[in-house]
């Protein structure tokens, strides 16, 4: 059987070029998805930071004008909300795996190992 050199050359060129296109697409797709997930994560973190900022700002403003009960209530509302979010994460096996060690060190009350240092609330008077 006689192999035509020009057909082999073209076959190699086609295989190599398709491989390069595939690898280029793979790299481009990976970079695009990293950028997308980075932006989504940044947006989520910004929303959490904004909520924390507004909450802390309002507590601080209440303290400055002597509204201590309102400040206490707002801080307990924030603590209750954060506590509930952390408990939900601990109920999810995937989230718990990444979160449990840090939570045990910083908030043993999430595991019932210490009393809650605040009164849980769902609203302020």
PDB file of N, CA and C in Angstrom:
ATOM      1  N   UNK A   1       0.845  -1.171   0.000  1.00  0.00           N
ATOM      2  CA  UNK A   1       0.000   0.000   0.000  1.00  0.00           C
ATOM      3  C   UNK A   1       0.895   1.240   0.000  1.00  0.00           C
ATOM      4  N   UNK A   2       0.616   2.128  -0.917  1.00  0.00           N
ATOM      5  CA  UNK A   2       1.417   3.336  -1.065  1.00  0.00           C
ATOM      6  C   UNK A   2       0.686   4.500  -0.376  1.00  0.00           C
ATOM      7  N   UNK A   3       1.416   5.192   0.508  1.00  0.00           N
ATOM      8  CA  UNK A   3       0.834   6.322   1.227  1.00  0.00           C
ATOM      9  C   UNK A   3       1.249   7.597   0.515  1.00  0.00           C
ATOM     10  N   UNK A   4       0.259   8.405   0.220  1.00  0.00           N
ATOM     11  CA  UNK A   4       0.496   9.672  -0.449  1.00  0.00           C
ATOM     12  C   UNK A   4       0.979  10.682   0.592  1.00  0.00           C
ATOM     13  N   UNK A   5       2.200  11.212   0.410  1.00  0.00           N
ATOM     14  CA  UNK A   5       2.800  12.138   1.373  1.00  0.00           C
ATOM     15  C   UNK A   5       1.973  13.404   1.548  1.00  0.00           C
ATOM     16  N   UNK A   6       1.420  13.913   0.486  1.00  0.00           N
ATOM     17  CA  UNK A   6       0.660  15.165   0.603  1.00  0.00           C
ATOM     18  C   UNK A   6      -0.604  14.957   1.442  1.00  0.00           C
ATOM     19  N   UNK A   7      -1.216  13.794   1.344  1.00  0.00           N
ATOM     20  CA  UNK A   7      -2.406  13.523   2.175  1.00  0.00           C
ATOM     21  C   UNK A   7      -2.020  13.411   3.643  1.00  0.00           C
ATOM     22  N   UNK A   8      -0.902  12.795   3.930  1.00  0.00           N
ATOM     23  CA  UNK A   8      -0.428  12.680   5.311  1.00  0.00           C
ATOM     24  C   UNK A   8      -0.103  14.056   5.871  1.00  0.00           C
ATOM     25  N   UNK A   9       0.553  14.878   5.076  1.00  0.00           N
ATOM     26  CA  UNK A   9       0.895  16.234   5.516  1.00  0.00           C
ATOM     27  C   UNK A   9      -0.376  17.017   5.828  1.00  0.00           C
ATOM     28  N   UNK A  10      -1.361  16.951   4.943  1.00  0.00           N
ATOM     29  CA  UNK A  10      -2.617  17.659   5.174  1.00  0.00           C
ATOM     30  C   UNK A  10      -3.335  17.121   6.403  1.00  0.00           C
ATOM     31  N   UNK A  11      -3.311  15.814   6.601  1.00  0.00           N
ATOM     32  CA  UNK A  11      -3.942  15.213   7.775  1.00  0.00           C
ATOM     33  C   UNK A  11      -3.278  15.717   9.053  1.00  0.00           C
ATOM     34  N   UNK A  12      -1.948  15.761   9.051  1.00  0.00           N
ATOM     35  CA  UNK A  12      -1.211  16.266  10.220  1.00  0.00           C
ATOM     36  C   UNK A  12      -1.528  17.740  10.454  1.00  0.00           C
ATOM     37  N   UNK A  13      -1.560  18.527   9.392  1.00  0.00           N
ATOM     38  CA  UNK A  13      -1.872  19.954   9.519  1.00  0.00           C
ATOM     39  C   UNK A  13      -3.268  20.140  10.103  1.00  0.00           C
ATOM     40  N   UNK A  14      -4.217  19.386   9.615  1.00  0.00           N
ATOM     41  CA  UNK A  14      -5.598  19.495  10.102  1.00  0.00           C
ATOM     42  C   UNK A  14      -5.672  19.075  11.568  1.00  0.00           C
ATOM     43  N   UNK A  15      -5.035  17.968  11.924  1.00  0.00           N
ATOM     44  CA  UNK A  15      -5.069  17.506  13.316  1.00  0.00           C
ATOM     45  C   UNK A  15      -4.402  18.512  14.254  1.00  0.00           C
ATOM     46  N   UNK A  16      -3.251  19.018  13.854  1.00  0.00           N
ATOM     47  CA  UNK A  16      -2.543  19.988  14.702  1.00  0.00           C
ATOM     48  C   UNK A  16      -3.345  21.283  14.822  1.00  0.00           C
ATOM     49  N   UNK A  17      -3.883  21.779  13.720  1.00  0.00           N
ATOM     50  CA  UNK A  17      -4.646  23.035  13.785  1.00  0.00           C
ATOM     51  C   UNK A  17      -5.913  22.856  14.622  1.00  0.00           C
ATOM     52  N   UNK A  18      -6.601  21.722  14.471  1.00  0.00           N
ATOM     53  CA  UNK A  18      -7.791  21.483  15.299  1.00  0.00           C
ATOM     54  C   UNK A  18      -7.411  21.373  16.774  1.00  0.00           C
ATOM     55  N   UNK A  19      -6.279  20.736  17.041  1.00  0.00           N
ATOM     56  CA  UNK A  19      -5.810  20.643  18.426  1.00  0.00           C
ATOM     57  C   UNK A  19      -5.501  22.008  19.003  1.00  0.00           C
ATOM     58  N   UNK A  20      -4.876  22.867  18.195  1.00  0.00           N
ATOM     59  CA  UNK A  20      -4.563  24.225  18.663  1.00  0.00           C
ATOM     60  C   UNK A  20      -5.834  25.044  18.906  1.00  0.00           C
ATOM     61  N   UNK A  21      -6.804  24.902  17.987  1.00  0.00           N
ATOM     62  CA  UNK A  21      -8.083  25.598  18.186  1.00  0.00           C
ATOM     63  C   UNK A  21      -8.767  25.104  19.453  1.00  0.00           C
ATOM     64  N   UNK A  22      -8.735  23.803  19.679  1.00  0.00           N
ATOM     65  CA  UNK A  22      -9.350  23.232  20.880  1.00  0.00           C
ATOM     66  C   UNK A  22      -8.679  23.780  22.136  1.00  0.00           C
ATOM     67  N   UNK A  23      -7.349  23.742  22.172  1.00  0.00           N
ATOM     68  CA  UNK A  23      -6.622  24.255  23.338  1.00  0.00           C
ATOM     69  C   UNK A  23      -6.843  25.752  23.533  1.00  0.00           C
ATOM     70  N   UNK A  24      -6.858  26.497  22.432  1.00  0.00           N
ATOM     71  CA  UNK A  24      -7.131  27.933  22.531  1.00  0.00           C
ATOM     72  C   UNK A  24      -8.513  28.207  23.098  1.00  0.00           C
ATOM     73  N   UNK A  25      -9.489  27.460  22.631  1.00  0.00           N
ATOM     74  CA  UNK A  25     -10.854  27.605  23.153  1.00  0.00           C
ATOM     75  C   UNK A  25     -10.944  27.216  24.613  1.00  0.00           C
ATOM     76  N   UNK A  26     -10.211  26.169  24.980  1.00  0.00           N
ATOM     77  CA  UNK A  26     -10.200  25.716  26.367  1.00  0.00           C
ATOM     78  C   UNK A  26      -9.623  26.786  27.287  1.00  0.00           C
ATOM     79  N   UNK A  27      -8.516  27.358  26.892  1.00  0.00           N
ATOM     80  CA  UNK A  27      -7.868  28.404  27.696  1.00  0.00           C
ATOM     81  C   UNK A  27      -8.761  29.642  27.771  1.00  0.00           C
ATOM     82  N   UNK A  28      -9.301  30.061  26.633  1.00  0.00           N
ATOM     83  CA  UNK A  28     -10.178  31.237  26.598  1.00  0.00           C
ATOM     84  C   UNK A  28     -11.413  31.016  27.463  1.00  0.00           C
ATOM     85  N   UNK A  29     -12.019  29.850  27.346  1.00  0.00           N
ATOM     86  CA  UNK A  29     -13.201  29.539  28.156  1.00  0.00           C
ATOM     87  C   UNK A  29     -12.899  29.523  29.630  1.00  0.00           C
ATOM     88  N   UNK A  30     -11.756  28.970  29.972  1.00  0.00           N
ATOM     89  CA  UNK A  30     -11.375  28.925  31.386  1.00  0.00           C
ATOM     90  C   UNK A  30     -11.163  30.324  31.944  1.00  0.00           C
ATOM     91  N   UNK A  31     -10.478  31.163  31.201  1.00  0.00           N
ATOM     92  CA  UNK A  31     -10.248  32.542  31.648  1.00  0.00           C
ATOM     93  C   UNK A  31     -11.560  33.306  31.754  1.00  0.00           C
ATOM     94  N   UNK A  32     -12.450  33.103  30.784  1.00  0.00           N
ATOM     95  CA  UNK A  32     -13.748  33.795  30.806  1.00  0.00           C
ATOM     96  C   UNK A  32     -14.567  33.363  32.006  1.00  0.00           C
ATOM     97  N   UNK A  33     -14.578  32.063  32.291  1.00  0.00           N
ATOM     98  CA  UNK A  33     -15.372  31.584  33.421  1.00  0.00           C
ATOM     99  C   UNK A  33     -14.776  32.060  34.735  1.00  0.00           C
ATOM    100  N   UNK A  34     -13.434  32.122  34.834  1.00  0.00           N
ATOM    101  CA  UNK A  34     -12.810  32.655  36.050  1.00  0.00           C
ATOM    102  C   UNK A  34     -13.211  34.108  36.254  1.00  0.00           C
ATOM    103  N   UNK A  35     -13.173  34.899  35.191  1.00  0.00           N
ATOM    104  CA  UNK A  35     -13.574  36.304  35.290  1.00  0.00           C
ATOM    105  C   UNK A  35     -15.024  36.420  35.732  1.00  0.00           C
ATOM    106  N   UNK A  36     -15.892  35.592  35.154  1.00  0.00           N
ATOM    107  CA  UNK A  36     -17.310  35.637  35.490  1.00  0.00           C
ATOM    108  C   UNK A  36     -17.520  35.302  36.960  1.00  0.00           C
ATOM    109  N   UNK A  37     -16.914  34.204  37.426  1.00  0.00           N
ATOM    110  CA  UNK A  37     -17.104  33.806  38.822  1.00  0.00           C
ATOM    111  C   UNK A  37     -16.468  34.801  39.781  1.00  0.00           C
ATOM    112  N   UNK A  38     -15.370  35.408  39.387  1.00  0.00           N
ATOM    113  CA  UNK A  38     -14.749  36.437  40.214  1.00  0.00           C
ATOM    114  C   UNK A  38     -15.692  37.634  40.352  1.00  0.00           C
ATOM    115  N   UNK A  39     -16.331  38.021  39.259  1.00  0.00           N
ATOM    116  CA  UNK A  39     -17.260  39.151  39.297  1.00  0.00           C
ATOM    117  C   UNK A  39     -18.489  38.826  40.137  1.00  0.00           C
ATOM    118  N   UNK A  40     -19.010  37.611  40.006  1.00  0.00           N
ATOM    119  CA  UNK A  40     -20.186  37.207  40.786  1.00  0.00           C
ATOM    120  C   UNK A  40     -19.843  37.183  42.273  1.00  0.00           C
ATOM    121  N   UNK A  41     -18.665  36.631  42.592  1.00  0.00           N
ATOM    122  CA  UNK A  41     -18.245  36.585  43.987  1.00  0.00           C
ATOM    123  C   UNK A  41     -18.024  37.986  44.539  1.00  0.00           C
ATOM    124  N   UNK A  42     -17.410  38.848  43.761  1.00  0.00           N
ATOM    125  CA  UNK A  42     -17.187  40.227  44.192  1.00  0.00           C
ATOM    126  C   UNK A  42     -18.521  40.935  44.449  1.00  0.00           C
ATOM    127  N   UNK A  43     -19.498  40.701  43.582  1.00  0.00           N
ATOM    128  CA  UNK A  43     -20.826  41.304  43.750  1.00  0.00           C
ATOM    129  C   UNK A  43     -21.482  40.790  45.038  1.00  0.00           C
ATOM    130  N   UNK A  44     -21.381  39.481  45.274  1.00  0.00           N
ATOM    131  CA  UNK A  44     -21.973  38.914  46.489  1.00  0.00           C
ATOM    132  C   UNK A  44     -21.300  39.479  47.740  1.00  0.00           C
ATOM    133  N   UNK A  45     -19.971  39.565  47.711  1.00  0.00           N
ATOM    134  CA  UNK A  45     -19.247  40.114  48.855  1.00  0.00           C
ATOM    135  C   UNK A  45     -19.604  41.588  49.071  1.00  0.00           C
ATOM    136  N   UNK A  46     -19.783  42.328  47.988  1.00  0.00           N
ATOM    137  CA  UNK A  46     -20.147  43.743  48.106  1.00  0.00           C
ATOM    138  C   UNK A  46     -21.526  43.894  48.734  1.00  0.00           C
ATOM    139  N   UNK A  47     -22.455  43.015  48.378  1.00  0.00           N
ATOM    140  CA  UNK A  47     -23.789  43.076  48.981  1.00  0.00           C
ATOM    141  C   UNK A  47     -23.736  42.789  50.475  1.00  0.00           C
ATOM    142  N   UNK A  48     -22.943  41.811  50.872  1.00  0.00           N
ATOM    143  CA  UNK A  48     -22.792  41.503  52.297  1.00  0.00           C
ATOM    144  C   UNK A  48     -22.127  42.673  53.014  1.00  0.00           C
ATOM    145  N   UNK A  49     -21.083  43.221  52.399  1.00  0.00           N
ATOM    146  CA  UNK A  49     -20.382  44.355  53.007  1.00  0.00           C
ATOM    147  C   UNK A  49     -21.310  45.562  53.149  1.00  0.00           C
ATOM    148  N   UNK A  50     -22.139  45.805  52.147  1.00  0.00           N
ATOM    149  CA  UNK A  50     -23.077  46.926  52.218  1.00  0.00           C
ATOM    150  C   UNK A  50     -24.081  46.722  53.345  1.00  0.00           C
ATOM    151  N   UNK A  51     -24.614  45.525  53.456  1.00  0.00           N
ATOM    152  CA  UNK A  51     -25.576  45.240  54.532  1.00  0.00           C
ATOM    153  C   UNK A  51     -24.917  45.412  55.897  1.00  0.00           C
ATOM    154  N   UNK A  52     -23.674  44.910  56.038  1.00  0.00           N
ATOM    155  CA  UNK A  52     -22.952  45.085  57.300  1.00  0.00           C
ATOM    156  C   UNK A  52     -22.704  46.561  57.585  1.00  0.00           C
ATOM    157  N   UNK A  53     -22.263  47.294  56.567  1.00  0.00           N
ATOM    158  CA  UNK A  53     -21.988  48.716  56.751  1.00  0.00           C
ATOM    159  C   UNK A  53     -23.236  49.478  57.213  1.00  0.00           C
ATOM    160  N   UNK A  54     -24.350  49.248  56.528  1.00  0.00           N
ATOM    161  CA  UNK A  54     -25.588  49.953  56.886  1.00  0.00           C
ATOM    162  C   UNK A  54     -26.009  49.601  58.309  1.00  0.00           C
ATOM    163  N   UNK A  55     -25.902  48.331  58.644  1.00  0.00           N
ATOM    164  CA  UNK A  55     -26.274  47.896  59.992  1.00  0.00           C
ATOM    165  C   UNK A  55     -25.377  48.549  61.049  1.00  0.00           C
ATOM    166  N   UNK A  56     -24.070  48.466  60.852  1.00  0.00           N
ATOM    167  CA  UNK A  56     -23.140  49.058  61.830  1.00  0.00           C
ATOM    168  C   UNK A  56     -23.271  50.572  61.890  1.00  0.00           C
ATOM    169  N   UNK A  57     -23.481  51.194  60.742  1.00  0.00           N
ATOM    170  CA  UNK A  57     -23.660  52.653  60.714  1.00  0.00           C
ATOM    171  C   UNK A  57     -24.881  53.048  61.529  1.00  0.00           C
ATOM    172  N   UNK A  58     -25.981  52.349  61.339  1.00  0.00           N
ATOM    173  CA  UNK A  58     -27.209  52.675  62.070  1.00  0.00           C
ATOM    174  C   UNK A  58     -27.055  52.442  63.570  1.00  0.00           C
ATOM    175  N   UNK A  59     -26.358  51.393  63.936  1.00  0.00           N
ATOM    176  CA  UNK A  59     -26.095  51.140  65.359  1.00  0.00           C
ATOM    177  C   UNK A  59     -25.261  52.279  65.937  1.00  0.00           C
ATOM    178  N   UNK A  60     -24.208  52.666  65.217  1.00  0.00           N
ATOM    179  CA  UNK A  60     -23.338  53.745  65.671  1.00  0.00           C
ATOM    180  C   UNK A  60     -24.111  55.058  65.805  1.00  0.00           C
ATOM    181  N   UNK A  61     -24.950  55.347  64.827  1.00  0.00           N
ATOM    182  CA  UNK A  61     -25.737  56.589  64.890  1.00  0.00           C
ATOM    183  C   UNK A  61     -26.695  56.579  66.078  1.00  0.00           C
ATOM    184  N   UNK A  62     -27.305  55.430  66.354  1.00  0.00           N
ATOM    185  CA  UNK A  62     -28.197  55.327  67.516  1.00  0.00           C
ATOM    186  C   UNK A  62     -27.427  55.526  68.819  1.00  0.00           C
ATOM    187  N   UNK A  63     -26.231  54.985  68.899  1.00  0.00           N
ATOM    188  CA  UNK A  63     -25.412  55.164  70.108  1.00  0.00           C
ATOM    189  C   UNK A  63     -25.032  56.635  70.272  1.00  0.00           C
ATOM    190  N   UNK A  64     -24.660  57.290  69.165  1.00  0.00           N
ATOM    191  CA  UNK A  64     -24.255  58.702  69.234  1.00  0.00           C
ATOM    192  C   UNK A  64     -25.361  59.604  69.772  1.00  0.00           C
ATOM    193  N   UNK A  65     -26.610  59.295  69.449  1.00  0.00           N
ATOM    194  CA  UNK A  65     -27.712  60.151  69.910  1.00  0.00           C
ATOM    195  C   UNK A  65     -28.376  59.600  71.173  1.00  0.00           C
ATOM    196  N   UNK A  66     -27.753  58.582  71.778  1.00  0.00           N
ATOM    197  CA  UNK A  66     -28.248  58.064  73.052  1.00  0.00           C
ATOM    198  C   UNK A  66     -29.410  57.095  72.948  1.00  0.00           C
ATOM    199  N   UNK A  67     -29.695  56.573  71.775  1.00  0.00           N
ATOM    200  CA  UNK A  67     -30.775  55.587  71.620  1.00  0.00           C
ATOM    201  C   UNK A  67     -30.188  54.182  71.804  1.00  0.00           C
ATOM    202  N   UNK A  68     -29.859  53.867  73.060  1.00  0.00           N
ATOM    203  CA  UNK A  68     -29.160  52.627  73.346  1.00  0.00           C
ATOM    204  C   UNK A  68     -30.031  51.399  73.129  1.00  0.00           C
ATOM    205  N   UNK A  69     -31.301  51.506  73.448  1.00  0.00           N
ATOM    206  CA  UNK A  69     -32.192  50.356  73.232  1.00  0.00           C
ATOM    207  C   UNK A  69     -32.339  50.050  71.755  1.00  0.00           C
ATOM    208  N   UNK A  70     -32.453  51.086  70.947  1.00  0.00           N
ATOM    209  CA  UNK A  70     -32.556  50.896  69.502  1.00  0.00           C
ATOM    210  C   UNK A  70     -31.265  50.295  68.949  1.00  0.00           C
ATOM    211  N   UNK A  71     -30.127  50.770  69.455  1.00  0.00           N
ATOM    212  CA  UNK A  71     -28.834  50.229  69.012  1.00  0.00           C
ATOM    213  C   UNK A  71     -28.706  48.758  69.400  1.00  0.00           C
ATOM    214  N   UNK A  72     -29.127  48.435  70.625  1.00  0.00           N
ATOM    215  CA  UNK A  72     -29.076  47.043  71.081  1.00  0.00           C
ATOM    216  C   UNK A  72     -29.972  46.175  70.213  1.00  0.00           C
ATOM    217  N   UNK A  73     -31.178  46.660  69.935  1.00  0.00           N
ATOM    218  CA  UNK A  73     -32.116  45.893  69.118  1.00  0.00           C
ATOM    219  C   UNK A  73     -31.557  45.659  67.715  1.00  0.00           C
ATOM    220  N   UNK A  74     -31.026  46.708  67.116  1.00  0.00           N
ATOM    221  CA  UNK A  74     -30.461  46.572  65.756  1.00  0.00           C
ATOM    222  C   UNK A  74     -29.289  45.601  65.740  1.00  0.00           C
ATOM    223  N   UNK A  75     -28.446  45.665  66.762  1.00  0.00           N
ATOM    224  CA  UNK A  75     -27.302  44.744  66.801  1.00  0.00           C
ATOM    225  C   UNK A  75     -27.781  43.308  67.007  1.00  0.00           C
ATOM    226  N   UNK A  76     -28.826  43.125  67.805  1.00  0.00           N
ATOM    227  CA  UNK A  76     -29.372  41.773  68.004  1.00  0.00           C
ATOM    228  C   UNK A  76     -30.056  41.253  66.738  1.00  0.00           C
ATOM    229  N   UNK A  77     -30.697  42.142  65.990  1.00  0.00           N
ATOM    230  CA  UNK A  77     -31.278  41.729  64.708  1.00  0.00           C
ATOM    231  C   UNK A  77     -30.190  41.267  63.741  1.00  0.00           C
ATOM    232  N   UNK A  78     -29.105  42.033  63.684  1.00  0.00           N
ATOM    233  CA  UNK A  78     -27.992  41.665  62.801  1.00  0.00           C
ATOM    234  C   UNK A  78     -27.358  40.355  63.243  1.00  0.00           C
ATOM    235  N   UNK A  79     -27.159  40.215  64.542  1.00  0.00           N
ATOM    236  CA  UNK A  79     -26.559  38.979  65.064  1.00  0.00           C
ATOM    237  C   UNK A  79     -27.465  37.780  64.786  1.00  0.00           C
ATOM    238  N   UNK A  80     -28.759  37.954  64.945  1.00  0.00           N
ATOM    239  CA  UNK A  80     -29.706  36.862  64.681  1.00  0.00           C
ATOM    240  C   UNK A  80     -29.659  36.451  63.216  1.00  0.00           C
ATOM    241  N   UNK A  81     -29.648  37.425  62.333  1.00  0.00           N
ATOM    242  CA  UNK A  81     -29.596  37.141  60.903  1.00  0.00           C
ATOM    243  C   UNK A  81     -28.317  36.399  60.534  1.00  0.00           C
ATOM    244  N   UNK A  82     -27.187  36.888  61.027  1.00  0.00           N
ATOM    245  CA  UNK A  82     -25.906  36.239  60.740  1.00  0.00           C
ATOM    246  C   UNK A  82     -25.849  34.841  61.340  1.00  0.00           C
ATOM    247  N   UNK A  83     -26.381  34.681  62.539  1.00  0.00           N
ATOM    248  CA  UNK A  83     -26.424  33.377  63.207  1.00  0.00           C
ATOM    249  C   UNK A  83     -27.222  32.379  62.364  1.00  0.00           C
ATOM    250  N   UNK A  84     -28.378  32.822  61.872  1.00  0.00           N
ATOM    251  CA  UNK A  84     -29.225  31.944  61.055  1.00  0.00           C
ATOM    252  C   UNK A  84     -28.538  31.547  59.749  1.00  0.00           C
ATOM    253  N   UNK A  85     -27.844  32.479  59.119  1.00  0.00           N
ATOM    254  CA  UNK A  85     -27.119  32.171  57.881  1.00  0.00           C
ATOM    255  C   UNK A  85     -26.017  31.148  58.161  1.00  0.00           C
ATOM    256  N   UNK A  86     -25.281  31.338  59.252  1.00  0.00           N
ATOM    257  CA  UNK A  86     -24.213  30.401  59.612  1.00  0.00           C
ATOM    258  C   UNK A  86     -24.786  29.018  59.923  1.00  0.00           C
ATOM    259  N   UNK A  87     -25.907  28.965  60.635  1.00  0.00           N
ATOM    260  CA  UNK A  87     -26.541  27.673  60.944  1.00  0.00           C
ATOM    261  C   UNK A  87     -26.989  26.970  59.663  1.00  0.00           C
ATOM    262  N   UNK A  88     -27.508  27.727  58.697  1.00  0.00           N
ATOM    263  CA  UNK A  88     -27.905  27.128  57.421  1.00  0.00           C
ATOM    264  C   UNK A  88     -26.703  26.524  56.707  1.00  0.00           C
ATOM    265  N   UNK A  89     -25.574  27.207  56.759  1.00  0.00           N
ATOM    266  CA  UNK A  89     -24.356  26.670  56.139  1.00  0.00           C
ATOM    267  C   UNK A  89     -23.943  25.374  56.830  1.00  0.00           C
ATOM    268  N   UNK A  90     -24.027  25.344  58.144  1.00  0.00           N
ATOM    269  CA  UNK A  90     -23.631  24.142  58.877  1.00  0.00           C
ATOM    270  C   UNK A  90     -24.575  22.968  58.618  1.00  0.00           C
ATOM    271  N   UNK A  91     -25.796  23.258  58.175  1.00  0.00           N
ATOM    272  CA  UNK A  91     -26.743  22.196  57.845  1.00  0.00           C
ATOM    273  C   UNK A  91     -26.480  21.606  56.459  1.00  0.00           C
ATOM    274  N   UNK A  92     -25.683  22.311  55.659  1.00  0.00           N
ATOM    275  CA  UNK A  92     -25.334  21.855  54.306  1.00  0.00           C
ATOM    276  C   UNK A  92     -23.962  21.181  54.380  1.00  0.00           C
ATOM    277  N   UNK A  93     -23.874  19.875  54.078  1.00  0.00           N
ATOM    278  CA  UNK A  93     -22.596  19.164  54.229  1.00  0.00           C
ATOM    279  C   UNK A  93     -21.434  19.775  53.445  1.00  0.00           C
ATOM    280  N   UNK A  94     -21.697  20.278  52.261  1.00  0.00           N
ATOM    281  CA  UNK A  94     -20.621  20.867  51.455  1.00  0.00           C
ATOM    282  C   UNK A  94     -20.132  22.166  52.084  1.00  0.00           C
ATOM    283  N   UNK A  95     -21.051  23.022  52.479  1.00  0.00           N
ATOM    284  CA  UNK A  95     -20.682  24.293  53.107  1.00  0.00           C
ATOM    285  C   UNK A  95     -20.028  24.042  54.470  1.00  0.00           C
ATOM    286  N   UNK A  96     -20.568  23.087  55.214  1.00  0.00           N
ATOM    287  CA  UNK A  96     -20.052  22.777  56.552  1.00  0.00           C
ATOM    288  C   UNK A  96     -18.586  22.364  56.497  1.00  0.00           C
ATOM    289  N   UNK A  97     -18.227  21.591  55.496  1.00  0.00           N
ATOM    290  CA  UNK A  97     -16.860  21.100  55.360  1.00  0.00           C
ATOM    291  C   UNK A  97     -15.848  22.252  55.350  1.00  0.00           C
ATOM    292  N   UNK A  98     -16.177  23.315  54.622  1.00  0.00           N
ATOM    293  CA  UNK A  98     -15.258  24.446  54.501  1.00  0.00           C
ATOM    294  C   UNK A  98     -15.383  25.434  55.663  1.00  0.00           C
ATOM    295  N   UNK A  99     -16.492  25.406  56.377  1.00  0.00           N
ATOM    296  CA  UNK A  99     -16.836  26.463  57.326  1.00  0.00           C
ATOM    297  C   UNK A  99     -16.686  26.048  58.792  1.00  0.00           C
ATOM    298  N   UNK A 100     -16.775  24.768  59.071  1.00  0.00           N
ATOM    299  CA  UNK A 100     -16.906  24.312  60.458  1.00  0.00           C
ATOM    300  C   UNK A 100     -15.738  24.706  61.360  1.00  0.00           C
ATOM    301  N   UNK A 101     -14.502  24.526  60.910  1.00  0.00           N
ATOM    302  CA  UNK A 101     -13.348  24.824  61.769  1.00  0.00           C
ATOM    303  C   UNK A 101     -13.335  26.291  62.182  1.00  0.00           C
ATOM    304  N   UNK A 102     -13.519  27.162  61.220  1.00  0.00           N
ATOM    305  CA  UNK A 102     -13.514  28.600  61.509  1.00  0.00           C
ATOM    306  C   UNK A 102     -14.680  28.959  62.436  1.00  0.00           C
ATOM    307  N   UNK A 103     -15.837  28.359  62.190  1.00  0.00           N
ATOM    308  CA  UNK A 103     -17.015  28.640  63.020  1.00  0.00           C
ATOM    309  C   UNK A 103     -16.806  28.160  64.454  1.00  0.00           C
ATOM    310  N   UNK A 104     -16.211  26.995  64.621  1.00  0.00           N
ATOM    311  CA  UNK A 104     -15.960  26.475  65.977  1.00  0.00           C
ATOM    312  C   UNK A 104     -15.035  27.392  66.768  1.00  0.00           C
ATOM    313  N   UNK A 105     -14.033  27.923  66.089  1.00  0.00           N
ATOM    314  CA  UNK A 105     -13.080  28.815  66.755  1.00  0.00           C
ATOM    315  C   UNK A 105     -13.713  30.159  67.119  1.00  0.00           C
ATOM    316  N   UNK A 106     -14.524  30.706  66.208  1.00  0.00           N
ATOM    317  CA  UNK A 106     -15.050  32.054  66.420  1.00  0.00           C
ATOM    318  C   UNK A 106     -16.427  32.134  67.037  1.00  0.00           C
ATOM    319  N   UNK A 107     -17.226  31.073  66.924  1.00  0.00           N
ATOM    320  CA  UNK A 107     -18.606  31.137  67.413  1.00  0.00           C
ATOM    321  C   UNK A 107     -19.074  29.765  67.897  1.00  0.00           C
ATOM    322  N   UNK A 108     -18.560  29.311  69.036  1.00  0.00           N
ATOM    323  CA  UNK A 108     -18.952  27.992  69.535  1.00  0.00           C
ATOM    324  C   UNK A 108     -20.445  27.888  69.844  1.00  0.00           C
ATOM    325  N   UNK A 109     -21.112  29.030  69.992  1.00  0.00           N
ATOM    326  CA  UNK A 109     -22.550  29.001  70.250  1.00  0.00           C
ATOM    327  C   UNK A 109     -23.337  28.426  69.070  1.00  0.00           C
ATOM    328  N   UNK A 110     -22.745  28.449  67.871  1.00  0.00           N
ATOM    329  CA  UNK A 110     -23.403  27.839  66.707  1.00  0.00           C
ATOM    330  C   UNK A 110     -23.587  26.337  66.892  1.00  0.00           C
ATOM    331  N   UNK A 111     -22.727  25.730  67.716  1.00  0.00           N
ATOM    332  CA  UNK A 111     -22.765  24.292  67.941  1.00  0.00           C
ATOM    333  C   UNK A 111     -23.385  23.942  69.291  1.00  0.00           C
ATOM    334  N   UNK A 112     -23.909  24.952  69.987  1.00  0.00           N
ATOM    335  CA  UNK A 112     -24.490  24.725  71.306  1.00  0.00           C
ATOM    336  C   UNK A 112     -23.424  24.542  72.378  1.00  0.00           C
ATOM    337  N   UNK A 113     -22.174  24.889  72.068  1.00  0.00           N
ATOM    338  CA  UNK A 113     -21.077  24.712  73.009  1.00  0.00           C
ATOM    339  C   UNK A 113     -20.914  25.909  73.931  1.00  0.00           C
ATOM    340  N   UNK A 114     -21.671  26.949  73.698  1.00  0.00           N
ATOM    341  CA  UNK A 114     -21.640  28.155  74.529  1.00  0.00           C
ATOM    342  C   UNK A 114     -23.012  28.818  74.385  1.00  0.00           C
ATOM    343  N   UNK A 115     -23.422  29.590  75.404  1.00  0.00           N
ATOM    344  CA  UNK A 115     -24.703  30.293  75.269  1.00  0.00           C
ATOM    345  C   UNK A 115     -24.601  31.419  74.246  1.00  0.00           C
ATOM    346  N   UNK A 116     -25.733  31.747  73.636  1.00  0.00           N
ATOM    347  CA  UNK A 116     -25.757  32.877  72.702  1.00  0.00           C
ATOM    348  C   UNK A 116     -25.530  34.157  73.500  1.00  0.00           C
ATOM    349  N   UNK A 117     -24.624  35.023  73.054  1.00  0.00           N
ATOM    350  CA  UNK A 117     -24.354  36.264  73.780  1.00  0.00           C
ATOM    351  C   UNK A 117     -25.314  37.394  73.414  1.00  0.00           C
ATOM    352  N   UNK A 118     -26.446  37.046  72.817  1.00  0.00           N
ATOM    353  CA  UNK A 118     -27.433  38.050  72.432  1.00  0.00           C
ATOM    354  C   UNK A 118     -28.818  37.431  72.502  1.00  0.00           C
ATOM    355  N   UNK A 119     -29.817  38.297  72.493  1.00  0.00           N
ATOM    356  CA  UNK A 119     -31.207  37.832  72.464  1.00  0.00           C
ATOM    357  C   UNK A 119     -31.651  37.745  71.016  1.00  0.00           C
ATOM    358  N   UNK A 120     -31.987  36.546  70.541  1.00  0.00           N
ATOM    359  CA  UNK A 120     -32.449  36.428  69.153  1.00  0.00           C
ATOM    360  C   UNK A 120     -33.712  37.256  68.933  1.00  0.00           C
ATOM    361  N   UNK A 121     -33.778  37.948  67.808  1.00  0.00           N
ATOM    362  CA  UNK A 121     -34.924  38.816  67.486  1.00  0.00           C
ATOM    363  C   UNK A 121     -35.323  38.633  66.033  1.00  0.00           C
ATOM    364  N   UNK A 122     -36.597  38.920  65.766  1.00  0.00           N
ATOM    365  CA  UNK A 122     -37.047  38.982  64.374  1.00  0.00           C
ATOM    366  C   UNK A 122     -37.595  40.358  64.038  1.00  0.00           C
ATOM    367  N   UNK A 123     -37.662  41.230  65.033  1.00  0.00           N
ATOM    368  CA  UNK A 123     -38.065  42.624  64.802  1.00  0.00           C
ATOM    369  C   UNK A 123     -37.732  43.469  66.025  1.00  0.00           C
ATOM    370  N   UNK A 124     -37.733  44.761  65.825  1.00  0.00           N
ATOM    371  CA  UNK A 124     -37.511  45.687  66.925  1.00  0.00           C
ATOM    372  C   UNK A 124     -38.835  46.383  67.252  1.00  0.00           C
ATOM    373  N   UNK A 125     -38.995  46.773  68.505  1.00  0.00           N
ATOM    374  CA  UNK A 125     -40.249  47.478  68.867  1.00  0.00           C
ATOM    375  C   UNK A 125     -40.308  48.862  68.255  1.00  0.00           C
TER     376      UNK A 125
END
